[in-house]
Amino acid sequence: MTRTANARTAGTAYLLYVLAGIGSMAVASSMPGLRAVFLAVTPFCALALGVTLYALTRDVDRDLAMLAMVCRVVEATGGNGELFFAAGSTIFCWLLLRGRLIPAALAWIGLASSAGLVILLLAQTAAGARTDWSSPVTWSVWLPMLVFELTFAGWLLAKPIPLPSSAAA
């Protein structure tokens, strides 16, 4: 696939992932069949993101890009998926920033929100707590991630992703 095709596939996967994730929470008890469909879609989105973001960032650092992709694969398998989501996103955002593949401000928002999410999830795990969506702390960390994902999805759909500055030279 071309870089443009990978970018557009990733942008679409981000949008579907967000819609399916929010949709699964919105219809949790009222429509169990629809919730099951949403929950079946999200692992495929995670896998698509892992592969396409790897393809876009591997020229920055192949090993880190592979680690981030594997985090996305593990995320898709369930159990502690949020932690692997956050770790993979942190690594991909670092690669996007380091390769100057997207505007620095956008990459920094993704990096900070992903890293903050890793810290929150590790703290919750250490405390024996679970993610509680009614908590303002949870929303204060997940909301910037949502803003990043939606903005990044739009960027991926609208703009070409260049070769990393080091690979272009």
N, C-alpha and C. Protein backbone atom coordinates (compact mmCIF):
# COMPACT_ATOMS: atom_id res chain seq x y z
N MET A 1 0.84 -1.19 0.00
CA MET A 1 0.00 0.00 0.00
C MET A 1 0.88 1.24 0.00
N THR A 2 0.38 2.30 -0.56
CA THR A 2 1.11 3.56 -0.58
C THR A 2 0.98 4.25 0.77
N ARG A 3 1.81 5.26 1.00
CA ARG A 3 1.74 6.02 2.26
C ARG A 3 0.36 6.69 2.38
N THR A 4 -0.15 7.19 1.26
CA THR A 4 -1.47 7.83 1.29
C THR A 4 -2.55 6.83 1.64
N ALA A 5 -2.50 5.64 1.06
CA ALA A 5 -3.50 4.61 1.37
C ALA A 5 -3.41 4.19 2.83
N ASN A 6 -2.19 4.05 3.34
CA ASN A 6 -2.03 3.71 4.76
C ASN A 6 -2.58 4.82 5.65
N ALA A 7 -2.32 6.06 5.29
CA ALA A 7 -2.81 7.19 6.09
C ALA A 7 -4.34 7.22 6.09
N ARG A 8 -4.93 7.04 4.93
CA ARG A 8 -6.40 7.09 4.85
C ARG A 8 -7.02 5.90 5.57
N THR A 9 -6.41 4.75 5.47
CA THR A 9 -6.92 3.58 6.19
C THR A 9 -6.82 3.81 7.70
N ALA A 10 -5.69 4.37 8.14
CA ALA A 10 -5.54 4.67 9.57
C ALA A 10 -6.56 5.71 10.01
N GLY A 11 -6.77 6.74 9.23
CA GLY A 11 -7.76 7.77 9.59
C GLY A 11 -9.16 7.18 9.72
N THR A 12 -9.52 6.33 8.77
CA THR A 12 -10.83 5.68 8.81
C THR A 12 -10.92 4.75 10.02
N ALA A 13 -9.85 4.00 10.28
CA ALA A 13 -9.84 3.08 11.43
C ALA A 13 -9.99 3.85 12.74
N TYR A 14 -9.32 5.00 12.86
CA TYR A 14 -9.48 5.83 14.07
C TYR A 14 -10.94 6.24 14.26
N LEU A 15 -11.55 6.73 13.18
CA LEU A 15 -12.94 7.17 13.29
C LEU A 15 -13.87 6.02 13.65
N LEU A 16 -13.71 4.88 13.00
CA LEU A 16 -14.53 3.71 13.33
C LEU A 16 -14.30 3.25 14.77
N TYR A 17 -13.05 3.29 15.19
CA TYR A 17 -12.68 2.88 16.55
C TYR A 17 -13.38 3.76 17.59
N VAL A 18 -13.33 5.06 17.38
CA VAL A 18 -13.97 5.99 18.31
C VAL A 18 -15.48 5.78 18.30
N LEU A 19 -16.07 5.69 17.11
CA LEU A 19 -17.52 5.48 17.02
C LEU A 19 -17.95 4.17 17.67
N ALA A 20 -17.21 3.10 17.41
CA ALA A 20 -17.56 1.80 17.99
C ALA A 20 -17.36 1.80 19.50
N GLY A 21 -16.30 2.44 19.97
CA GLY A 21 -16.05 2.50 21.41
C GLY A 21 -17.11 3.28 22.15
N ILE A 22 -17.44 4.44 21.63
CA ILE A 22 -18.49 5.26 22.27
C ILE A 22 -19.84 4.59 22.10
N GLY A 23 -20.07 4.02 20.92
CA GLY A 23 -21.32 3.32 20.67
C GLY A 23 -21.53 2.16 21.62
N SER A 24 -20.47 1.41 21.90
CA SER A 24 -20.61 0.26 22.82
C SER A 24 -20.96 0.72 24.22
N MET A 25 -20.46 1.89 24.63
CA MET A 25 -20.81 2.41 25.96
C MET A 25 -22.23 2.97 25.96
N ALA A 26 -22.62 3.60 24.86
CA ALA A 26 -23.94 4.25 24.79
C ALA A 26 -25.09 3.25 24.79
N VAL A 27 -24.88 2.08 24.20
CA VAL A 27 -25.97 1.10 24.09
C VAL A 27 -25.75 -0.10 25.01
N ALA A 28 -24.94 0.06 26.03
CA ALA A 28 -24.51 -1.06 26.86
C ALA A 28 -25.63 -2.02 27.26
N SER A 29 -26.67 -1.52 27.87
CA SER A 29 -27.72 -2.44 28.34
C SER A 29 -28.97 -2.41 27.47
N SER A 30 -29.15 -1.32 26.75
CA SER A 30 -30.39 -1.18 25.99
C SER A 30 -30.44 -2.03 24.72
N MET A 31 -29.29 -2.26 24.10
CA MET A 31 -29.25 -3.02 22.85
C MET A 31 -28.03 -3.94 22.86
N PRO A 32 -28.11 -5.07 23.54
CA PRO A 32 -26.94 -5.94 23.66
C PRO A 32 -26.41 -6.47 22.33
N GLY A 33 -27.27 -6.69 21.36
CA GLY A 33 -26.82 -7.17 20.05
C GLY A 33 -25.96 -6.14 19.34
N LEU A 34 -26.39 -4.89 19.37
CA LEU A 34 -25.63 -3.81 18.74
C LEU A 34 -24.32 -3.59 19.48
N ARG A 35 -24.37 -3.69 20.80
CA ARG A 35 -23.15 -3.55 21.59
C ARG A 35 -22.14 -4.63 21.19
N ALA A 36 -22.61 -5.85 20.97
CA ALA A 36 -21.72 -6.94 20.56
C ALA A 36 -21.07 -6.64 19.21
N VAL A 37 -21.82 -6.03 18.31
CA VAL A 37 -21.25 -5.66 17.00
C VAL A 37 -20.16 -4.61 17.20
N PHE A 38 -20.45 -3.58 18.00
CA PHE A 38 -19.44 -2.55 18.28
C PHE A 38 -18.18 -3.17 18.88
N LEU A 39 -18.37 -4.08 19.83
CA LEU A 39 -17.23 -4.71 20.49
C LEU A 39 -16.46 -5.64 19.54
N ALA A 40 -17.12 -6.15 18.53
CA ALA A 40 -16.44 -6.99 17.53
C ALA A 40 -15.64 -6.14 16.54
N VAL A 41 -16.07 -4.92 16.31
CA VAL A 41 -15.39 -4.03 15.36
C VAL A 41 -14.09 -3.47 15.93
N THR A 42 -14.07 -3.18 17.22
CA THR A 42 -12.91 -2.49 17.80
C THR A 42 -11.59 -3.24 17.68
N PRO A 43 -11.54 -4.57 17.86
CA PRO A 43 -10.23 -5.23 17.67
C PRO A 43 -9.70 -5.12 16.23
N PHE A 44 -10.60 -5.15 15.26
CA PHE A 44 -10.16 -5.00 13.87
C PHE A 44 -9.60 -3.59 13.63
N CYS A 45 -10.20 -2.61 14.26
CA CYS A 45 -9.68 -1.24 14.15
C CYS A 45 -8.29 -1.15 14.77
N ALA A 46 -8.11 -1.78 15.93
CA ALA A 46 -6.80 -1.78 16.59
C ALA A 46 -5.75 -2.43 15.69
N LEU A 47 -6.10 -3.55 15.07
CA LEU A 47 -5.16 -4.22 14.17
C LEU A 47 -4.84 -3.37 12.95
N ALA A 48 -5.87 -2.76 12.37
CA ALA A 48 -5.65 -1.89 11.20
C ALA A 48 -4.76 -0.72 11.58
N LEU A 49 -4.97 -0.15 12.74
CA LEU A 49 -4.13 0.96 13.19
C LEU A 49 -2.70 0.50 13.42
N GLY A 50 -2.53 -0.65 14.02
CA GLY A 50 -1.18 -1.15 14.25
C GLY A 50 -0.40 -1.29 12.95
N VAL A 51 -1.01 -1.90 11.97
CA VAL A 51 -0.33 -2.15 10.69
C VAL A 51 -0.08 -0.85 9.93
N THR A 52 -1.09 -0.01 9.83
CA THR A 52 -0.94 1.21 9.03
C THR A 52 -0.02 2.23 9.69
N LEU A 53 -0.12 2.37 11.01
CA LEU A 53 0.79 3.31 11.69
C LEU A 53 2.22 2.79 11.67
N TYR A 54 2.39 1.48 11.73
CA TYR A 54 3.72 0.90 11.56
C TYR A 54 4.27 1.29 10.18
N ALA A 55 3.46 1.12 9.16
CA ALA A 55 3.91 1.44 7.80
C ALA A 55 4.30 2.91 7.66
N LEU A 56 3.61 3.78 8.38
CA LEU A 56 3.89 5.22 8.29
C LEU A 56 5.10 5.63 9.12
N THR A 57 5.42 4.88 10.18
CA THR A 57 6.48 5.31 11.10
C THR A 57 7.74 4.44 11.05
N ARG A 58 7.72 3.36 10.31
CA ARG A 58 8.87 2.44 10.33
C ARG A 58 10.15 3.07 9.81
N ASP A 59 10.05 4.09 8.98
CA ASP A 59 11.26 4.75 8.48
C ASP A 59 11.88 5.66 9.53
N VAL A 60 11.16 5.95 10.59
CA VAL A 60 11.72 6.75 11.69
C VAL A 60 12.56 5.85 12.59
N ASP A 61 11.97 4.73 13.02
CA ASP A 61 12.67 3.74 13.84
C ASP A 61 11.91 2.43 13.72
N ARG A 62 12.45 1.51 12.97
CA ARG A 62 11.76 0.25 12.68
C ARG A 62 11.46 -0.55 13.95
N ASP A 63 12.40 -0.59 14.90
CA ASP A 63 12.19 -1.38 16.11
C ASP A 63 11.09 -0.80 17.00
N LEU A 64 11.11 0.51 17.20
CA LEU A 64 10.05 1.13 18.01
C LEU A 64 8.70 1.04 17.32
N ALA A 65 8.70 1.19 16.00
CA ALA A 65 7.44 1.06 15.26
C ALA A 65 6.88 -0.35 15.40
N MET A 66 7.76 -1.35 15.38
CA MET A 66 7.32 -2.74 15.55
C MET A 66 6.78 -2.95 16.97
N LEU A 67 7.45 -2.40 17.96
CA LEU A 67 6.97 -2.52 19.34
C LEU A 67 5.59 -1.89 19.49
N ALA A 68 5.40 -0.72 18.91
CA ALA A 68 4.09 -0.05 18.97
C ALA A 68 3.03 -0.89 18.26
N MET A 69 3.38 -1.47 17.11
CA MET A 69 2.43 -2.31 16.39
C MET A 69 2.05 -3.53 17.23
N VAL A 70 3.03 -4.14 17.87
CA VAL A 70 2.74 -5.30 18.71
C VAL A 70 1.84 -4.90 19.88
N CYS A 71 2.05 -3.72 20.43
CA CYS A 71 1.15 -3.23 21.49
C CYS A 71 -0.28 -3.17 20.98
N ARG A 72 -0.47 -2.72 19.75
CA ARG A 72 -1.81 -2.65 19.16
C ARG A 72 -2.40 -4.04 18.94
N VAL A 73 -1.56 -4.99 18.57
CA VAL A 73 -2.03 -6.36 18.39
C VAL A 73 -2.48 -6.93 19.73
N VAL A 74 -1.67 -6.73 20.78
CA VAL A 74 -2.05 -7.22 22.11
C VAL A 74 -3.32 -6.51 22.59
N GLU A 75 -3.41 -5.22 22.31
CA GLU A 75 -4.62 -4.46 22.66
C GLU A 75 -5.87 -5.12 22.08
N ALA A 76 -5.76 -5.61 20.85
CA ALA A 76 -6.90 -6.21 20.16
C ALA A 76 -7.34 -7.52 20.78
N THR A 77 -6.45 -8.16 21.55
CA THR A 77 -6.79 -9.46 22.13
C THR A 77 -7.57 -9.36 23.43
N GLY A 78 -7.72 -8.16 23.97
CA GLY A 78 -8.48 -7.98 25.21
C GLY A 78 -7.60 -7.97 26.43
N GLY A 79 -8.18 -8.08 27.62
CA GLY A 79 -7.46 -8.02 28.88
C GLY A 79 -6.43 -6.91 28.91
N ASN A 80 -6.39 -5.99 29.76
CA ASN A 80 -5.42 -4.88 29.81
C ASN A 80 -5.25 -4.18 28.47
N GLY A 81 -6.24 -4.25 27.61
CA GLY A 81 -6.15 -3.63 26.30
C GLY A 81 -5.90 -2.14 26.36
N GLU A 82 -6.48 -1.49 27.36
CA GLU A 82 -6.30 -0.04 27.48
C GLU A 82 -4.84 0.31 27.69
N LEU A 83 -4.15 -0.48 28.50
CA LEU A 83 -2.74 -0.21 28.78
C LEU A 83 -1.89 -0.37 27.52
N PHE A 84 -2.14 -1.42 26.75
CA PHE A 84 -1.40 -1.62 25.51
C PHE A 84 -1.77 -0.58 24.46
N PHE A 85 -3.03 -0.15 24.45
CA PHE A 85 -3.46 0.95 23.59
C PHE A 85 -2.64 2.20 23.91
N ALA A 86 -2.57 2.54 25.20
CA ALA A 86 -1.87 3.74 25.62
C ALA A 86 -0.37 3.65 25.34
N ALA A 87 0.22 2.50 25.60
CA ALA A 87 1.66 2.33 25.34
C ALA A 87 1.95 2.42 23.84
N GLY A 88 1.16 1.73 23.04
CA GLY A 88 1.35 1.79 21.59
C GLY A 88 1.17 3.20 21.06
N SER A 89 0.15 3.90 21.56
CA SER A 89 -0.09 5.28 21.13
C SER A 89 1.06 6.19 21.52
N THR A 90 1.60 5.99 22.72
CA THR A 90 2.73 6.80 23.17
C THR A 90 3.91 6.63 22.22
N ILE A 91 4.21 5.39 21.88
CA ILE A 91 5.35 5.12 20.99
C ILE A 91 5.10 5.68 19.59
N PHE A 92 3.90 5.44 19.06
CA PHE A 92 3.61 5.97 17.72
C PHE A 92 3.67 7.49 17.71
N CYS A 93 3.15 8.14 18.75
CA CYS A 93 3.20 9.61 18.79
C CYS A 93 4.64 10.11 18.88
N TRP A 94 5.48 9.40 19.63
CA TRP A 94 6.90 9.77 19.69
C TRP A 94 7.52 9.68 18.30
N LEU A 95 7.21 8.62 17.57
CA LEU A 95 7.76 8.44 16.23
C LEU A 95 7.22 9.51 15.26
N LEU A 96 5.95 9.83 15.39
CA LEU A 96 5.36 10.89 14.55
C LEU A 96 6.03 12.22 14.83
N LEU A 97 6.32 12.49 16.09
CA LEU A 97 6.99 13.73 16.48
C LEU A 97 8.43 13.73 15.98
N ARG A 98 9.15 12.66 16.28
CA ARG A 98 10.56 12.57 15.91
C ARG A 98 10.77 12.61 14.40
N GLY A 99 9.87 12.01 13.64
CA GLY A 99 10.00 12.01 12.19
C GLY A 99 9.41 13.24 11.52
N ARG A 100 8.80 14.11 12.32
CA ARG A 100 8.15 15.32 11.80
C ARG A 100 7.11 14.97 10.73
N LEU A 101 6.32 13.93 11.05
CA LEU A 101 5.33 13.45 10.09
C LEU A 101 4.02 14.20 10.17
N ILE A 102 3.75 14.80 11.31
CA ILE A 102 2.55 15.61 11.52
C ILE A 102 2.98 16.88 12.25
N PRO A 103 2.11 17.88 12.34
CA PRO A 103 2.49 19.09 13.07
C PRO A 103 2.93 18.76 14.50
N ALA A 104 3.98 19.41 14.93
CA ALA A 104 4.55 19.13 16.26
C ALA A 104 3.52 19.28 17.37
N ALA A 105 2.68 20.31 17.29
CA ALA A 105 1.68 20.52 18.35
C ALA A 105 0.74 19.33 18.46
N LEU A 106 0.31 18.80 17.33
CA LEU A 106 -0.57 17.64 17.33
C LEU A 106 0.14 16.42 17.90
N ALA A 107 1.38 16.21 17.48
CA ALA A 107 2.15 15.07 18.00
C ALA A 107 2.36 15.19 19.50
N TRP A 108 2.63 16.40 19.99
CA TRP A 108 2.82 16.60 21.43
C TRP A 108 1.54 16.33 22.21
N ILE A 109 0.41 16.73 21.67
CA ILE A 109 -0.87 16.44 22.34
C ILE A 109 -1.06 14.92 22.45
N GLY A 110 -0.80 14.22 21.37
CA GLY A 110 -0.92 12.76 21.39
C GLY A 110 0.06 12.12 22.35
N LEU A 111 1.31 12.59 22.33
CA LEU A 111 2.34 12.03 23.20
C LEU A 111 1.99 12.27 24.67
N ALA A 112 1.62 13.50 25.01
CA ALA A 112 1.31 13.83 26.41
C ALA A 112 0.06 13.08 26.89
N SER A 113 -0.97 13.04 26.07
CA SER A 113 -2.20 12.37 26.50
C SER A 113 -2.00 10.87 26.60
N SER A 114 -1.24 10.28 25.67
CA SER A 114 -0.98 8.84 25.73
C SER A 114 -0.13 8.48 26.94
N ALA A 115 0.93 9.24 27.16
CA ALA A 115 1.80 8.97 28.32
C ALA A 115 1.02 9.17 29.63
N GLY A 116 0.18 10.21 29.68
CA GLY A 116 -0.66 10.41 30.86
C GLY A 116 -1.60 9.25 31.09
N LEU A 117 -2.10 8.70 30.02
CA LEU A 117 -2.99 7.55 30.10
C LEU A 117 -2.25 6.32 30.62
N VAL A 118 -1.01 6.12 30.17
CA VAL A 118 -0.20 5.00 30.68
C VAL A 118 -0.04 5.15 32.19
N ILE A 119 0.29 6.35 32.64
CA ILE A 119 0.50 6.59 34.07
C ILE A 119 -0.79 6.35 34.84
N LEU A 120 -1.92 6.87 34.36
CA LEU A 120 -3.21 6.67 35.03
C LEU A 120 -3.55 5.18 35.13
N LEU A 121 -3.40 4.47 34.04
CA LEU A 121 -3.76 3.04 34.02
C LEU A 121 -2.85 2.23 34.93
N LEU A 122 -1.57 2.55 34.95
CA LEU A 122 -0.66 1.86 35.87
C LEU A 122 -1.00 2.16 37.32
N ALA A 123 -1.35 3.43 37.60
CA ALA A 123 -1.74 3.80 38.97
C ALA A 123 -3.02 3.09 39.38
N GLN A 124 -3.98 3.02 38.47
CA GLN A 124 -5.23 2.31 38.77
C GLN A 124 -4.96 0.83 39.01
N THR A 125 -4.08 0.25 38.22
CA THR A 125 -3.74 -1.17 38.39
C THR A 125 -3.05 -1.39 39.73
N ALA A 126 -2.11 -0.52 40.07
CA ALA A 126 -1.40 -0.64 41.34
C ALA A 126 -2.35 -0.48 42.53
N ALA A 127 -3.36 0.37 42.39
CA ALA A 127 -4.32 0.60 43.46
C ALA A 127 -5.43 -0.44 43.48
N GLY A 128 -5.43 -1.33 42.49
CA GLY A 128 -6.49 -2.33 42.42
C GLY A 128 -7.81 -1.76 41.96
N ALA A 129 -7.75 -0.59 41.33
CA ALA A 129 -8.97 0.07 40.85
C ALA A 129 -9.21 -0.32 39.40
N ARG A 130 -10.41 -0.06 38.92
CA ARG A 130 -10.72 -0.28 37.52
C ARG A 130 -11.08 1.06 36.90
N THR A 131 -11.05 1.10 35.58
CA THR A 131 -11.43 2.33 34.89
C THR A 131 -12.89 2.62 35.18
N ASP A 132 -13.14 3.77 35.73
CA ASP A 132 -14.50 4.17 36.08
C ASP A 132 -14.83 5.41 35.26
N TRP A 133 -15.71 5.23 34.27
CA TRP A 133 -16.01 6.32 33.35
C TRP A 133 -16.79 7.45 33.99
N SER A 134 -17.29 7.26 35.21
CA SER A 134 -17.98 8.36 35.88
C SER A 134 -17.00 9.26 36.63
N SER A 135 -15.74 8.87 36.68
CA SER A 135 -14.73 9.65 37.38
C SER A 135 -14.22 10.81 36.53
N PRO A 136 -14.18 12.02 37.10
CA PRO A 136 -13.63 13.15 36.35
C PRO A 136 -12.14 12.97 36.05
N VAL A 137 -11.42 12.23 36.88
CA VAL A 137 -10.01 11.97 36.62
C VAL A 137 -9.86 11.16 35.34
N THR A 138 -10.68 10.14 35.20
CA THR A 138 -10.63 9.31 33.99
C THR A 138 -10.90 10.16 32.76
N TRP A 139 -11.95 10.97 32.81
CA TRP A 139 -12.29 11.80 31.66
C TRP A 139 -11.22 12.86 31.38
N SER A 140 -10.59 13.40 32.42
CA SER A 140 -9.57 14.43 32.20
C SER A 140 -8.36 13.86 31.47
N VAL A 141 -8.14 12.55 31.57
CA VAL A 141 -7.02 11.94 30.85
C VAL A 141 -7.47 11.40 29.49
N TRP A 142 -8.65 10.80 29.42
CA TRP A 142 -9.12 10.22 28.15
C TRP A 142 -9.58 11.29 27.16
N LEU A 143 -10.12 12.40 27.65
CA LEU A 143 -10.64 13.42 26.73
C LEU A 143 -9.56 14.01 25.83
N PRO A 144 -8.38 14.39 26.34
CA PRO A 144 -7.34 14.86 25.41
C PRO A 144 -6.93 13.79 24.39
N MET A 145 -6.98 12.53 24.79
CA MET A 145 -6.66 11.45 23.85
C MET A 145 -7.71 11.40 22.75
N LEU A 146 -8.97 11.57 23.12
CA LEU A 146 -10.05 11.58 22.14
C LEU A 146 -9.89 12.76 21.17
N VAL A 147 -9.55 13.92 21.70
CA VAL A 147 -9.33 15.09 20.86
C VAL A 147 -8.18 14.83 19.88
N PHE A 148 -7.10 14.25 20.39
CA PHE A 148 -5.97 13.92 19.52
C PHE A 148 -6.39 12.95 18.43
N GLU A 149 -7.07 11.87 18.82
CA GLU A 149 -7.45 10.84 17.84
C GLU A 149 -8.34 11.40 16.74
N LEU A 150 -9.31 12.20 17.11
CA LEU A 150 -10.21 12.75 16.10
C LEU A 150 -9.49 13.74 15.19
N THR A 151 -8.63 14.57 15.77
CA THR A 151 -7.86 15.53 14.98
C THR A 151 -6.87 14.80 14.08
N PHE A 152 -6.19 13.81 14.63
CA PHE A 152 -5.22 13.04 13.87
C PHE A 152 -5.92 12.27 12.74
N ALA A 153 -7.10 11.72 13.02
CA ALA A 153 -7.86 11.01 11.99
C ALA A 153 -8.17 11.96 10.83
N GLY A 154 -8.62 13.16 11.14
CA GLY A 154 -8.89 14.15 10.10
C GLY A 154 -7.64 14.49 9.32
N TRP A 155 -6.52 14.64 10.02
CA TRP A 155 -5.25 14.94 9.37
C TRP A 155 -4.86 13.81 8.41
N LEU A 156 -4.99 12.57 8.88
CA LEU A 156 -4.63 11.42 8.05
C LEU A 156 -5.49 11.33 6.79
N LEU A 157 -6.75 11.70 6.92
CA LEU A 157 -7.66 11.64 5.77
C LEU A 157 -7.44 12.78 4.79
N ALA A 158 -6.94 13.91 5.28
CA ALA A 158 -6.86 15.10 4.45
C ALA A 158 -5.47 15.43 3.91
N LYS A 159 -4.44 15.07 4.65
CA LYS A 159 -3.08 15.49 4.29
C LYS A 159 -2.20 14.29 3.96
N PRO A 160 -1.27 14.48 3.04
CA PRO A 160 -0.30 13.40 2.81
C PRO A 160 0.69 13.32 3.97
N ILE A 161 1.11 12.12 4.27
CA ILE A 161 2.13 11.93 5.30
C ILE A 161 3.47 11.82 4.61
N PRO A 162 4.37 12.77 4.86
CA PRO A 162 5.65 12.74 4.16
C PRO A 162 6.57 11.66 4.71
N LEU A 163 7.64 11.40 4.00
CA LEU A 163 8.69 10.56 4.55
C LEU A 163 9.28 11.29 5.74
N PRO A 164 9.78 10.58 6.73
CA PRO A 164 10.43 11.26 7.86
C PRO A 164 11.56 12.14 7.37
N SER A 165 11.82 13.22 8.09
CA SER A 165 12.83 14.17 7.65
C SER A 165 14.18 13.51 7.49
N SER A 166 14.53 12.53 8.32
CA SER A 166 15.81 11.85 8.20
C SER A 166 15.86 10.96 6.95
N ALA A 167 14.74 10.31 6.60
CA ALA A 167 14.70 9.44 5.43
C ALA A 167 14.65 10.24 4.13
N ALA A 168 14.07 11.43 4.19
CA ALA A 168 13.97 12.27 3.00
C ALA A 168 15.33 12.81 2.57
N ALA A 169 16.22 12.99 3.54
CA ALA A 169 17.55 13.52 3.24
C ALA A 169 18.43 12.44 2.72
